[in-house]
């Protein structure tokens, strides 16, 4: 906020705007907030949500979907498996999630491993629905797209490997 804006707000003055007829129109804080059309911008200030928040919410929401075995590519899963063995470490819930975030909107890319026998189309549809619901409800950001990359299919004979699910979060 500039010094002039601060001074104007302290003195009770509003920003003047010109309408189509060249007449001066007062722009109140409420009108400015309504023009922003975002729950993150109110007449009293703005709320900023960091990318890591969107990543974590997206990762947790995707892991809740039946048919998702794990998140991330093989290198990410290997790193997570090693780090989970370190005492006091926590599972990375944002693994396999990449986010582009603006002031009011976000786009999310997910990399998942699907259980053998699950319909990839149905799993992807359920992931999108769950991620959009969780992110929009949790942050107020509009989710414009959720891109899903299926990196692998988990086969039943691979069960000797540790499962990366939301239930094992420390």
C-alpha atoms as a PDB file:
ATOM      1  CA  UNK A   1       0.000   0.000   0.000  1.00  0.00           C
ATOM      2  CA  UNK A   2       1.404   3.405  -0.948  1.00  0.00           C
ATOM      3  CA  UNK A   3       1.690   6.341   1.426  1.00  0.00           C
ATOM      4  CA  UNK A   4      -0.988   8.250  -0.510  1.00  0.00           C
ATOM      5  CA  UNK A   5      -3.389   5.315  -0.288  1.00  0.00           C
ATOM      6  CA  UNK A   6      -2.704   4.962   3.442  1.00  0.00           C
ATOM      7  CA  UNK A   7      -3.247   8.674   3.984  1.00  0.00           C
ATOM      8  CA  UNK A   8      -6.476   8.649   1.967  1.00  0.00           C
ATOM      9  CA  UNK A   9      -7.815   5.661   3.939  1.00  0.00           C
ATOM     10  CA  UNK A  10      -6.927   7.332   7.263  1.00  0.00           C
ATOM     11  CA  UNK A  11      -8.673  10.537   6.190  1.00  0.00           C
ATOM     12  CA  UNK A  12     -11.738   8.599   5.022  1.00  0.00           C
ATOM     13  CA  UNK A  13     -11.213   9.478   1.346  1.00  0.00           C
ATOM     14  CA  UNK A  14     -11.988   6.991  -1.415  1.00  0.00           C
ATOM     15  CA  UNK A  15     -10.265   6.531  -4.740  1.00  0.00           C
ATOM     16  CA  UNK A  16     -12.004   8.475  -7.502  1.00  0.00           C
ATOM     17  CA  UNK A  17     -12.703   6.804 -10.816  1.00  0.00           C
ATOM     18  CA  UNK A  18     -14.027   8.281 -14.048  1.00  0.00           C
ATOM     19  CA  UNK A  19     -17.245   6.838 -15.469  1.00  0.00           C
ATOM     20  CA  UNK A  20     -18.265   6.858 -19.156  1.00  0.00           C
ATOM     21  CA  UNK A  21     -19.705  10.386 -18.975  1.00  0.00           C
ATOM     22  CA  UNK A  22     -16.504  11.773 -17.491  1.00  0.00           C
ATOM     23  CA  UNK A  23     -18.156  12.294 -14.119  1.00  0.00           C
ATOM     24  CA  UNK A  24     -16.308  11.364 -10.967  1.00  0.00           C
ATOM     25  CA  UNK A  25     -17.581   8.190  -9.238  1.00  0.00           C
ATOM     26  CA  UNK A  26     -16.511   7.094  -5.787  1.00  0.00           C
ATOM     27  CA  UNK A  27     -15.083   3.570  -5.546  1.00  0.00           C
ATOM     28  CA  UNK A  28     -15.613   2.194  -2.071  1.00  0.00           C
ATOM     29  CA  UNK A  29     -13.744  -0.672  -0.457  1.00  0.00           C
ATOM     30  CA  UNK A  30     -16.828  -2.867  -0.790  1.00  0.00           C
ATOM     31  CA  UNK A  31     -17.129  -2.151  -4.517  1.00  0.00           C
ATOM     32  CA  UNK A  32     -13.434  -2.902  -5.006  1.00  0.00           C
ATOM     33  CA  UNK A  33     -13.798  -6.206  -3.168  1.00  0.00           C
ATOM     34  CA  UNK A  34     -16.891  -7.112  -5.194  1.00  0.00           C
ATOM     35  CA  UNK A  35     -15.011  -6.282  -8.403  1.00  0.00           C
ATOM     36  CA  UNK A  36     -12.214  -8.686  -7.414  1.00  0.00           C
ATOM     37  CA  UNK A  37     -14.743 -11.588  -7.247  1.00  0.00           C
ATOM     38  CA  UNK A  38     -12.595 -13.693  -4.977  1.00  0.00           C
ATOM     39  CA  UNK A  39     -13.189 -14.878  -1.423  1.00  0.00           C
ATOM     40  CA  UNK A  40      -9.493 -14.185  -0.833  1.00  0.00           C
ATOM     41  CA  UNK A  41      -9.954 -10.443  -1.391  1.00  0.00           C
ATOM     42  CA  UNK A  42     -12.327  -8.663   0.966  1.00  0.00           C
ATOM     43  CA  UNK A  43     -13.042  -5.059   1.789  1.00  0.00           C
ATOM     44  CA  UNK A  44     -10.643  -5.410   4.739  1.00  0.00           C
ATOM     45  CA  UNK A  45      -7.661  -6.990   3.004  1.00  0.00           C
ATOM     46  CA  UNK A  46      -6.300  -9.865   0.975  1.00  0.00           C
ATOM     47  CA  UNK A  47      -5.393 -13.428   1.926  1.00  0.00           C
ATOM     48  CA  UNK A  48      -2.444 -15.087   0.214  1.00  0.00           C
ATOM     49  CA  UNK A  49      -2.211 -18.870  -0.152  1.00  0.00           C
ATOM     50  CA  UNK A  50       1.241 -20.341  -0.834  1.00  0.00           C
ATOM     51  CA  UNK A  51       1.823 -23.035  -3.475  1.00  0.00           C
ATOM     52  CA  UNK A  52       2.835 -25.559  -0.804  1.00  0.00           C
ATOM     53  CA  UNK A  53      -0.660 -25.340   0.707  1.00  0.00           C
ATOM     54  CA  UNK A  54      -2.240 -26.161  -2.656  1.00  0.00           C
ATOM     55  CA  UNK A  55       0.282 -28.993  -3.169  1.00  0.00           C
ATOM     56  CA  UNK A  56      -0.466 -30.593   0.191  1.00  0.00           C
ATOM     57  CA  UNK A  57      -4.243 -30.321  -0.153  1.00  0.00           C
ATOM     58  CA  UNK A  58      -4.037 -31.758  -3.681  1.00  0.00           C
ATOM     59  CA  UNK A  59      -1.772 -34.625  -2.622  1.00  0.00           C
ATOM     60  CA  UNK A  60      -3.980 -35.594   0.307  1.00  0.00           C
ATOM     61  CA  UNK A  61      -7.161 -35.386  -1.788  1.00  0.00           C
ATOM     62  CA  UNK A  62      -5.677 -37.528  -4.570  1.00  0.00           C
ATOM     63  CA  UNK A  63      -4.467 -40.202  -2.114  1.00  0.00           C
ATOM     64  CA  UNK A  64      -8.006 -40.540  -0.693  1.00  0.00           C
ATOM     65  CA  UNK A  65      -9.347 -41.811  -4.026  1.00  0.00           C
ATOM     66  CA  UNK A  66      -9.831 -45.594  -4.294  1.00  0.00           C
ATOM     67  CA  UNK A  67      -7.563 -47.045  -6.977  1.00  0.00           C
ATOM     68  CA  UNK A  68      -4.644 -44.684  -6.265  1.00  0.00           C
ATOM     69  CA  UNK A  69      -1.727 -46.792  -5.071  1.00  0.00           C
ATOM     70  CA  UNK A  70       0.912 -44.056  -4.809  1.00  0.00           C
ATOM     71  CA  UNK A  71       1.875 -40.583  -5.959  1.00  0.00           C
ATOM     72  CA  UNK A  72       4.916 -39.533  -7.964  1.00  0.00           C
ATOM     73  CA  UNK A  73       7.301 -41.228 -10.336  1.00  0.00           C
ATOM     74  CA  UNK A  74       9.669 -44.055  -9.423  1.00  0.00           C
ATOM     75  CA  UNK A  75      12.486 -41.732  -8.329  1.00  0.00           C
ATOM     76  CA  UNK A  76      10.141 -39.814  -6.011  1.00  0.00           C
ATOM     77  CA  UNK A  77       8.747 -43.029  -4.508  1.00  0.00           C
ATOM     78  CA  UNK A  78      12.264 -44.397  -3.931  1.00  0.00           C
ATOM     79  CA  UNK A  79      13.321 -41.194  -2.163  1.00  0.00           C
ATOM     80  CA  UNK A  80      10.159 -41.253  -0.007  1.00  0.00           C
ATOM     81  CA  UNK A  81      10.703 -44.924   0.904  1.00  0.00           C
ATOM     82  CA  UNK A  82      14.247 -44.175   2.062  1.00  0.00           C
ATOM     83  CA  UNK A  83      13.308 -41.038   3.969  1.00  0.00           C
ATOM     84  CA  UNK A  84      10.428 -42.816   5.763  1.00  0.00           C
ATOM     85  CA  UNK A  85      12.963 -45.116   7.409  1.00  0.00           C
ATOM     86  CA  UNK A  86      14.671 -42.170   9.082  1.00  0.00           C
ATOM     87  CA  UNK A  87      13.347 -41.745  12.649  1.00  0.00           C
ATOM     88  CA  UNK A  88      11.249 -38.604  12.996  1.00  0.00           C
ATOM     89  CA  UNK A  89      10.752 -38.150   9.263  1.00  0.00           C
ATOM     90  CA  UNK A  90       7.333 -37.635   7.726  1.00  0.00           C
ATOM     91  CA  UNK A  91       5.740 -38.810   4.505  1.00  0.00           C
ATOM     92  CA  UNK A  92       5.816 -36.158   1.789  1.00  0.00           C
ATOM     93  CA  UNK A  93       2.170 -35.520   0.997  1.00  0.00           C
ATOM     94  CA  UNK A  94       3.056 -33.157  -1.839  1.00  0.00           C
ATOM     95  CA  UNK A  95       5.118 -35.735  -3.766  1.00  0.00           C
ATOM     96  CA  UNK A  96       3.824 -36.173  -7.306  1.00  0.00           C
ATOM     97  CA  UNK A  97       2.108 -32.772  -7.237  1.00  0.00           C
ATOM     98  CA  UNK A  98       3.116 -29.658  -9.119  1.00  0.00           C
ATOM     99  CA  UNK A  99       1.189 -26.407  -8.945  1.00  0.00           C
ATOM    100  CA  UNK A 100       0.972 -23.146 -10.864  1.00  0.00           C
ATOM    101  CA  UNK A 101      -0.822 -20.533  -8.791  1.00  0.00           C
ATOM    102  CA  UNK A 102      -1.996 -17.023  -9.472  1.00  0.00           C
ATOM    103  CA  UNK A 103      -3.815 -14.616  -7.192  1.00  0.00           C
ATOM    104  CA  UNK A 104      -7.242 -16.203  -7.718  1.00  0.00           C
ATOM    105  CA  UNK A 105      -6.698 -19.378  -9.751  1.00  0.00           C
ATOM    106  CA  UNK A 106      -4.533 -22.460  -9.745  1.00  0.00           C
ATOM    107  CA  UNK A 107      -3.632 -25.314 -12.105  1.00  0.00           C
ATOM    108  CA  UNK A 108      -2.504 -28.660 -10.714  1.00  0.00           C
ATOM    109  CA  UNK A 109      -0.460 -31.474 -12.260  1.00  0.00           C
ATOM    110  CA  UNK A 110      -0.479 -34.887 -10.569  1.00  0.00           C
ATOM    111  CA  UNK A 111       1.572 -38.016 -11.193  1.00  0.00           C
ATOM    112  CA  UNK A 112      -0.057 -41.185  -9.854  1.00  0.00           C
ATOM    113  CA  UNK A 113       0.369 -44.944  -9.706  1.00  0.00           C
ATOM    114  CA  UNK A 114      -2.958 -46.757 -10.196  1.00  0.00           C
ATOM    115  CA  UNK A 115      -3.913 -50.128  -8.695  1.00  0.00           C
ATOM    116  CA  UNK A 116      -4.162 -52.989 -11.200  1.00  0.00           C
ATOM    117  CA  UNK A 117      -7.805 -53.623 -12.128  1.00  0.00           C
ATOM    118  CA  UNK A 118      -8.970 -50.074 -11.445  1.00  0.00           C
ATOM    119  CA  UNK A 119     -10.398 -48.079 -14.331  1.00  0.00           C
ATOM    120  CA  UNK A 120      -7.860 -45.337 -15.061  1.00  0.00           C
ATOM    121  CA  UNK A 121     -10.623 -43.142 -16.502  1.00  0.00           C
ATOM    122  CA  UNK A 122     -12.766 -43.486 -13.349  1.00  0.00           C
ATOM    123  CA  UNK A 123      -9.806 -43.016 -11.008  1.00  0.00           C
ATOM    124  CA  UNK A 124      -8.719 -39.878 -12.896  1.00  0.00           C
ATOM    125  CA  UNK A 125     -12.273 -38.492 -12.836  1.00  0.00           C
ATOM    126  CA  UNK A 126     -12.548 -39.144  -9.075  1.00  0.00           C
ATOM    127  CA  UNK A 127      -9.127 -37.575  -8.453  1.00  0.00           C
ATOM    128  CA  UNK A 128     -10.141 -34.435 -10.342  1.00  0.00           C
ATOM    129  CA  UNK A 129     -13.419 -34.155  -8.464  1.00  0.00           C
ATOM    130  CA  UNK A 130     -11.776 -34.702  -5.061  1.00  0.00           C
ATOM    131  CA  UNK A 131      -8.834 -32.364  -5.705  1.00  0.00           C
ATOM    132  CA  UNK A 132     -11.031 -29.554  -7.040  1.00  0.00           C
ATOM    133  CA  UNK A 133     -13.372 -29.854  -4.055  1.00  0.00           C
ATOM    134  CA  UNK A 134     -10.531 -29.912  -1.509  1.00  0.00           C
ATOM    135  CA  UNK A 135      -8.535 -27.038  -3.015  1.00  0.00           C
ATOM    136  CA  UNK A 136     -11.475 -24.741  -3.769  1.00  0.00           C
ATOM    137  CA  UNK A 137     -13.042 -25.352  -0.358  1.00  0.00           C
ATOM    138  CA  UNK A 138      -9.753 -25.195   1.546  1.00  0.00           C
ATOM    139  CA  UNK A 139      -8.194 -22.168  -0.153  1.00  0.00           C
ATOM    140  CA  UNK A 140     -10.857 -20.203  -2.008  1.00  0.00           C
ATOM    141  CA  UNK A 141      -8.789 -20.449  -5.193  1.00  0.00           C
ATOM    142  CA  UNK A 142     -10.534 -21.439  -8.417  1.00  0.00           C
ATOM    143  CA  UNK A 143      -9.052 -24.639  -9.855  1.00  0.00           C
ATOM    144  CA  UNK A 144      -8.885 -24.155 -13.623  1.00  0.00           C
ATOM    145  CA  UNK A 145      -7.402 -27.557 -14.462  1.00  0.00           C
ATOM    146  CA  UNK A 146      -6.184 -30.794 -12.925  1.00  0.00           C
ATOM    147  CA  UNK A 147      -3.855 -32.720 -15.234  1.00  0.00           C
ATOM    148  CA  UNK A 148      -3.165 -36.336 -14.306  1.00  0.00           C
ATOM    149  CA  UNK A 149      -0.259 -38.430 -15.508  1.00  0.00           C
ATOM    150  CA  UNK A 150      -0.497 -42.151 -14.781  1.00  0.00           C
ATOM    151  CA  UNK A 151       3.137 -43.205 -14.383  1.00  0.00           C
ATOM    152  CA  UNK A 152       2.581 -46.886 -13.598  1.00  0.00           C
ATOM    153  CA  UNK A 153       0.138 -49.606 -12.625  1.00  0.00           C
ATOM    154  CA  UNK A 154       0.747 -51.405  -9.329  1.00  0.00           C
ATOM    155  CA  UNK A 155       0.551 -55.182  -9.730  1.00  0.00           C
ATOM    156  CA  UNK A 156      -0.510 -57.470  -6.846  1.00  0.00           C
ATOM    157  CA  UNK A 157       2.847 -59.298  -6.874  1.00  0.00           C
ATOM    158  CA  UNK A 158       4.591 -56.000  -6.081  1.00  0.00           C
ATOM    159  CA  UNK A 159       3.033 -55.915  -2.592  1.00  0.00           C
ATOM    160  CA  UNK A 160       6.388 -56.441  -0.867  1.00  0.00           C
ATOM    161  CA  UNK A 161       7.082 -52.727  -1.490  1.00  0.00           C
ATOM    162  CA  UNK A 162       5.776 -50.186   1.049  1.00  0.00           C
ATOM    163  CA  UNK A 163       2.480 -48.563   0.129  1.00  0.00           C
ATOM    164  CA  UNK A 164       2.405 -44.755  -0.169  1.00  0.00           C
ATOM    165  CA  UNK A 165      -1.039 -43.844   1.103  1.00  0.00           C
ATOM    166  CA  UNK A 166      -2.634 -41.108   3.123  1.00  0.00           C
ATOM    167  CA  UNK A 167      -3.191 -43.546   6.018  1.00  0.00           C
ATOM    168  CA  UNK A 168       0.519 -43.792   6.832  1.00  0.00           C
ATOM    169  CA  UNK A 169       1.076 -40.077   7.389  1.00  0.00           C
ATOM    170  CA  UNK A 170       3.093 -39.269  10.472  1.00  0.00           C
END
